[in-house]
Amino acid sequence: KKGTASPPVSTGKVNKHTKKGTARLGVTVPAPGSLVITGPGVVKVSGHPTGPGEVQVLIKAKGRTLKTLKKKGKVSVKVTITFTAEGKTKKKTTTVRLVKK
């Protein structure tokens, strides 16, 4: 058992906004720090959680991915969540499906 290790970053429920074609992803962070969400075809989002808990992050398509979403009505995007606190960086990758009706 390590006393100094903080719990990893985890993802929660995805709330889809089908009219806009966006989604909100719940990200649970273990401590205050810097949170960055990136991925191919996704608008980069960054924030600074002030404490441990869940943060809602907007996932929005751009470029070719946005064009596919408008044409086909749905698209899956791979997002990378990078969390930095106390000089330590943690990464997690997840797939989010965007739907536009």
N, C-alpha and C. Protein backbone atom coordinates (compact mmCIF):
# COMPACT_ATOMS: atom_id res chain seq x y z
N LYS A 1 0.85 -1.19 0.00
CA LYS A 1 0.00 0.00 0.00
C LYS A 1 0.89 1.24 0.00
N LYS A 2 0.67 2.10 -0.97
CA LYS A 2 1.45 3.33 -1.08
C LYS A 2 0.67 4.47 -0.45
N GLY A 3 1.28 5.17 0.47
CA GLY A 3 0.61 6.26 1.16
C GLY A 3 0.57 7.56 0.37
N THR A 4 1.53 7.75 -0.56
CA THR A 4 1.60 9.02 -1.28
C THR A 4 0.87 8.99 -2.62
N ALA A 5 0.49 7.81 -3.09
CA ALA A 5 -0.16 7.71 -4.40
C ALA A 5 -1.60 8.21 -4.31
N SER A 6 -1.97 9.08 -5.24
CA SER A 6 -3.34 9.58 -5.27
C SER A 6 -4.14 8.72 -6.24
N PRO A 7 -5.46 8.62 -6.05
CA PRO A 7 -6.26 7.79 -6.95
C PRO A 7 -6.22 8.34 -8.37
N PRO A 8 -6.37 7.47 -9.35
CA PRO A 8 -6.30 7.92 -10.74
C PRO A 8 -7.52 8.73 -11.16
N VAL A 9 -7.40 9.37 -12.30
CA VAL A 9 -8.50 10.13 -12.89
C VAL A 9 -9.48 9.10 -13.47
N SER A 10 -10.76 9.30 -13.25
CA SER A 10 -11.75 8.37 -13.79
C SER A 10 -12.85 9.14 -14.51
N THR A 11 -13.49 8.46 -15.45
CA THR A 11 -14.58 9.09 -16.21
C THR A 11 -15.90 8.52 -15.74
N GLY A 12 -16.91 9.36 -15.82
CA GLY A 12 -18.25 8.97 -15.38
C GLY A 12 -19.21 8.92 -16.55
N LYS A 13 -20.42 9.32 -16.28
CA LYS A 13 -21.50 9.27 -17.25
C LYS A 13 -21.33 10.33 -18.34
N VAL A 14 -21.77 9.98 -19.55
CA VAL A 14 -21.75 10.91 -20.68
C VAL A 14 -23.18 11.38 -20.92
N ASN A 15 -23.41 12.69 -20.82
CA ASN A 15 -24.72 13.27 -21.11
C ASN A 15 -24.69 13.87 -22.50
N LYS A 16 -25.49 13.30 -23.42
CA LYS A 16 -25.49 13.76 -24.81
C LYS A 16 -26.53 14.84 -25.04
N HIS A 17 -26.14 15.85 -25.81
CA HIS A 17 -27.06 16.92 -26.22
C HIS A 17 -27.27 16.70 -27.72
N THR A 18 -28.31 15.93 -28.07
CA THR A 18 -28.50 15.50 -29.46
C THR A 18 -28.89 16.64 -30.41
N LYS A 19 -29.44 17.73 -29.90
CA LYS A 19 -29.78 18.86 -30.77
C LYS A 19 -28.54 19.61 -31.23
N LYS A 20 -27.57 19.77 -30.30
CA LYS A 20 -26.33 20.48 -30.62
C LYS A 20 -25.24 19.55 -31.17
N GLY A 21 -25.36 18.25 -30.89
CA GLY A 21 -24.32 17.31 -31.31
C GLY A 21 -23.10 17.33 -30.40
N THR A 22 -23.32 17.70 -29.13
CA THR A 22 -22.22 17.75 -28.16
C THR A 22 -22.52 16.76 -27.04
N ALA A 23 -21.56 16.61 -26.14
CA ALA A 23 -21.75 15.74 -24.99
C ALA A 23 -21.00 16.33 -23.80
N ARG A 24 -21.49 16.03 -22.61
CA ARG A 24 -20.80 16.41 -21.38
C ARG A 24 -20.29 15.14 -20.73
N LEU A 25 -18.99 15.13 -20.46
CA LEU A 25 -18.34 13.98 -19.85
C LEU A 25 -17.98 14.30 -18.41
N GLY A 26 -18.38 13.44 -17.51
CA GLY A 26 -18.03 13.62 -16.10
C GLY A 26 -16.65 13.05 -15.85
N VAL A 27 -15.75 13.88 -15.34
CA VAL A 27 -14.38 13.45 -15.04
C VAL A 27 -14.14 13.65 -13.55
N THR A 28 -13.77 12.58 -12.85
CA THR A 28 -13.50 12.66 -11.42
C THR A 28 -12.01 12.82 -11.21
N VAL A 29 -11.64 13.91 -10.52
CA VAL A 29 -10.23 14.20 -10.26
C VAL A 29 -9.95 14.01 -8.76
N PRO A 30 -8.73 13.55 -8.41
CA PRO A 30 -8.41 13.25 -7.02
C PRO A 30 -8.00 14.46 -6.18
N ALA A 31 -7.60 15.55 -6.84
CA ALA A 31 -7.08 16.72 -6.11
C ALA A 31 -7.16 17.95 -7.00
N PRO A 32 -6.90 19.15 -6.46
CA PRO A 32 -6.84 20.34 -7.31
C PRO A 32 -5.66 20.25 -8.27
N GLY A 33 -5.81 20.81 -9.46
CA GLY A 33 -4.72 20.76 -10.45
C GLY A 33 -5.17 21.30 -11.78
N SER A 34 -4.53 20.82 -12.84
CA SER A 34 -4.80 21.26 -14.20
C SER A 34 -5.38 20.11 -15.01
N LEU A 35 -6.49 20.35 -15.70
CA LEU A 35 -7.18 19.32 -16.47
C LEU A 35 -7.25 19.76 -17.92
N VAL A 36 -6.79 18.90 -18.85
CA VAL A 36 -6.82 19.22 -20.28
C VAL A 36 -7.45 18.04 -21.02
N ILE A 37 -8.43 18.34 -21.89
CA ILE A 37 -9.09 17.33 -22.70
C ILE A 37 -8.75 17.62 -24.16
N THR A 38 -8.13 16.65 -24.85
CA THR A 38 -7.75 16.82 -26.24
C THR A 38 -8.10 15.56 -27.03
N GLY A 39 -7.99 15.66 -28.34
CA GLY A 39 -8.22 14.51 -29.20
C GLY A 39 -8.37 14.97 -30.62
N PRO A 40 -8.14 14.05 -31.58
CA PRO A 40 -8.31 14.41 -32.99
C PRO A 40 -9.78 14.68 -33.30
N GLY A 41 -10.06 15.83 -33.87
CA GLY A 41 -11.43 16.20 -34.23
C GLY A 41 -12.26 16.70 -33.06
N VAL A 42 -11.60 17.05 -31.95
CA VAL A 42 -12.31 17.53 -30.76
C VAL A 42 -11.74 18.88 -30.34
N VAL A 43 -12.62 19.80 -29.94
CA VAL A 43 -12.19 21.10 -29.45
C VAL A 43 -11.47 20.90 -28.12
N LYS A 44 -10.26 21.47 -28.00
CA LYS A 44 -9.45 21.34 -26.78
C LYS A 44 -10.11 22.11 -25.64
N VAL A 45 -10.20 21.46 -24.47
CA VAL A 45 -10.80 22.07 -23.29
C VAL A 45 -9.80 21.97 -22.15
N SER A 46 -9.64 23.07 -21.40
CA SER A 46 -8.76 23.02 -20.24
C SER A 46 -9.44 23.70 -19.07
N GLY A 47 -9.08 23.26 -17.88
CA GLY A 47 -9.66 23.83 -16.67
C GLY A 47 -8.78 23.56 -15.48
N HIS A 48 -9.12 24.19 -14.37
CA HIS A 48 -8.35 24.04 -13.14
C HIS A 48 -9.30 23.72 -11.99
N PRO A 49 -9.57 22.42 -11.76
CA PRO A 49 -10.43 22.05 -10.63
C PRO A 49 -9.82 22.55 -9.31
N THR A 50 -10.66 23.09 -8.43
CA THR A 50 -10.17 23.65 -7.17
C THR A 50 -10.09 22.62 -6.05
N GLY A 51 -10.62 21.43 -6.30
CA GLY A 51 -10.57 20.39 -5.29
C GLY A 51 -10.96 19.05 -5.87
N PRO A 52 -10.92 17.99 -5.06
CA PRO A 52 -11.30 16.67 -5.57
C PRO A 52 -12.79 16.60 -5.85
N GLY A 53 -13.16 15.76 -6.81
CA GLY A 53 -14.57 15.60 -7.15
C GLY A 53 -14.77 15.51 -8.65
N GLU A 54 -16.04 15.57 -9.06
CA GLU A 54 -16.38 15.44 -10.47
C GLU A 54 -16.45 16.80 -11.16
N VAL A 55 -15.92 16.85 -12.37
CA VAL A 55 -15.95 18.05 -13.20
C VAL A 55 -16.66 17.68 -14.50
N GLN A 56 -17.60 18.50 -14.95
CA GLN A 56 -18.30 18.26 -16.21
C GLN A 56 -17.52 18.96 -17.33
N VAL A 57 -17.17 18.20 -18.38
CA VAL A 57 -16.37 18.72 -19.49
C VAL A 57 -17.16 18.60 -20.78
N LEU A 58 -17.19 19.68 -21.57
CA LEU A 58 -17.91 19.69 -22.84
C LEU A 58 -17.05 19.07 -23.94
N ILE A 59 -17.60 18.08 -24.64
CA ILE A 59 -16.93 17.44 -25.77
C ILE A 59 -17.64 17.93 -27.03
N LYS A 60 -16.91 18.60 -27.90
CA LYS A 60 -17.48 19.21 -29.10
C LYS A 60 -16.61 18.88 -30.31
N ALA A 61 -17.24 18.47 -31.40
CA ALA A 61 -16.51 18.09 -32.62
C ALA A 61 -16.06 19.32 -33.39
N LYS A 62 -14.97 19.16 -34.17
CA LYS A 62 -14.50 20.23 -35.04
C LYS A 62 -13.93 19.62 -36.32
N GLY A 63 -13.81 20.45 -37.35
CA GLY A 63 -13.19 20.03 -38.60
C GLY A 63 -13.91 18.90 -39.30
N ARG A 64 -13.15 17.92 -39.76
CA ARG A 64 -13.69 16.79 -40.52
C ARG A 64 -14.67 15.97 -39.67
N THR A 65 -14.38 15.87 -38.38
CA THR A 65 -15.26 15.13 -37.47
C THR A 65 -16.62 15.79 -37.38
N LEU A 66 -16.66 17.12 -37.35
CA LEU A 66 -17.91 17.87 -37.31
C LEU A 66 -18.69 17.67 -38.61
N LYS A 67 -17.98 17.63 -39.72
CA LYS A 67 -18.61 17.41 -41.02
C LYS A 67 -19.26 16.03 -41.08
N THR A 68 -18.57 15.02 -40.56
CA THR A 68 -19.11 13.66 -40.51
C THR A 68 -20.33 13.60 -39.60
N LEU A 69 -20.27 14.30 -38.46
CA LEU A 69 -21.39 14.33 -37.52
C LEU A 69 -22.63 14.94 -38.17
N LYS A 70 -22.44 16.03 -38.91
CA LYS A 70 -23.58 16.69 -39.58
C LYS A 70 -24.15 15.82 -40.69
N LYS A 71 -23.28 15.10 -41.41
CA LYS A 71 -23.71 14.29 -42.54
C LYS A 71 -24.35 12.97 -42.11
N LYS A 72 -23.73 12.27 -41.18
CA LYS A 72 -24.21 10.95 -40.77
C LYS A 72 -25.06 10.96 -39.51
N GLY A 73 -24.97 12.04 -38.72
CA GLY A 73 -25.77 12.12 -37.51
C GLY A 73 -25.12 11.54 -36.27
N LYS A 74 -24.00 10.86 -36.45
CA LYS A 74 -23.29 10.31 -35.28
C LYS A 74 -21.83 10.11 -35.62
N VAL A 75 -20.98 10.19 -34.60
CA VAL A 75 -19.55 9.98 -34.79
C VAL A 75 -18.95 9.63 -33.43
N SER A 76 -17.95 8.75 -33.44
CA SER A 76 -17.23 8.40 -32.21
C SER A 76 -15.90 9.11 -32.21
N VAL A 77 -15.56 9.73 -31.10
CA VAL A 77 -14.29 10.45 -30.98
C VAL A 77 -13.49 9.90 -29.81
N LYS A 78 -12.19 9.88 -29.96
CA LYS A 78 -11.29 9.41 -28.91
C LYS A 78 -10.73 10.64 -28.21
N VAL A 79 -10.95 10.73 -26.91
CA VAL A 79 -10.46 11.89 -26.15
C VAL A 79 -9.42 11.44 -25.13
N THR A 80 -8.41 12.28 -24.96
CA THR A 80 -7.36 12.03 -23.98
C THR A 80 -7.52 13.04 -22.85
N ILE A 81 -7.62 12.52 -21.63
CA ILE A 81 -7.77 13.35 -20.45
C ILE A 81 -6.41 13.40 -19.76
N THR A 82 -5.85 14.60 -19.62
CA THR A 82 -4.56 14.77 -18.96
C THR A 82 -4.78 15.60 -17.70
N PHE A 83 -4.39 15.03 -16.56
CA PHE A 83 -4.55 15.73 -15.28
C PHE A 83 -3.18 15.87 -14.63
N THR A 84 -2.83 17.11 -14.26
CA THR A 84 -1.54 17.38 -13.62
C THR A 84 -1.79 18.00 -12.25
N ALA A 85 -1.18 17.40 -11.22
CA ALA A 85 -1.27 17.93 -9.87
C ALA A 85 0.02 17.61 -9.14
N GLU A 86 0.55 18.59 -8.44
CA GLU A 86 1.77 18.42 -7.65
C GLU A 86 2.93 17.86 -8.47
N GLY A 87 3.02 18.30 -9.73
CA GLY A 87 4.13 17.88 -10.60
C GLY A 87 3.96 16.50 -11.21
N LYS A 88 2.88 15.80 -10.92
CA LYS A 88 2.63 14.46 -11.46
C LYS A 88 1.52 14.53 -12.50
N THR A 89 1.74 13.87 -13.63
CA THR A 89 0.77 13.88 -14.71
C THR A 89 0.15 12.50 -14.88
N LYS A 90 -1.16 12.49 -15.03
CA LYS A 90 -1.89 11.24 -15.27
C LYS A 90 -2.71 11.39 -16.53
N LYS A 91 -2.70 10.33 -17.38
CA LYS A 91 -3.46 10.37 -18.63
C LYS A 91 -4.45 9.22 -18.68
N LYS A 92 -5.58 9.49 -19.32
CA LYS A 92 -6.59 8.46 -19.53
C LYS A 92 -7.24 8.73 -20.88
N THR A 93 -7.46 7.67 -21.64
CA THR A 93 -8.09 7.80 -22.95
C THR A 93 -9.44 7.09 -22.91
N THR A 94 -10.43 7.74 -23.51
CA THR A 94 -11.77 7.15 -23.57
C THR A 94 -12.43 7.53 -24.89
N THR A 95 -13.45 6.78 -25.28
CA THR A 95 -14.17 7.06 -26.51
C THR A 95 -15.55 7.61 -26.15
N VAL A 96 -15.94 8.69 -26.83
CA VAL A 96 -17.23 9.32 -26.62
C VAL A 96 -17.97 9.34 -27.96
N ARG A 97 -19.24 8.95 -27.94
CA ARG A 97 -20.04 8.96 -29.16
C ARG A 97 -20.91 10.21 -29.16
N LEU A 98 -20.75 11.02 -30.20
CA LEU A 98 -21.56 12.23 -30.36
C LEU A 98 -22.71 11.93 -31.30
N VAL A 99 -23.92 12.42 -30.99
CA VAL A 99 -25.09 12.18 -31.79
C VAL A 99 -25.77 13.51 -32.06
N LYS A 100 -26.16 13.72 -33.33
CA LYS A 100 -26.90 14.93 -33.70
C LYS A 100 -28.12 14.52 -34.49
N LYS A 101 -29.30 14.97 -34.02
CA LYS A 101 -30.55 14.61 -34.69
C LYS A 101 -31.22 15.84 -35.24
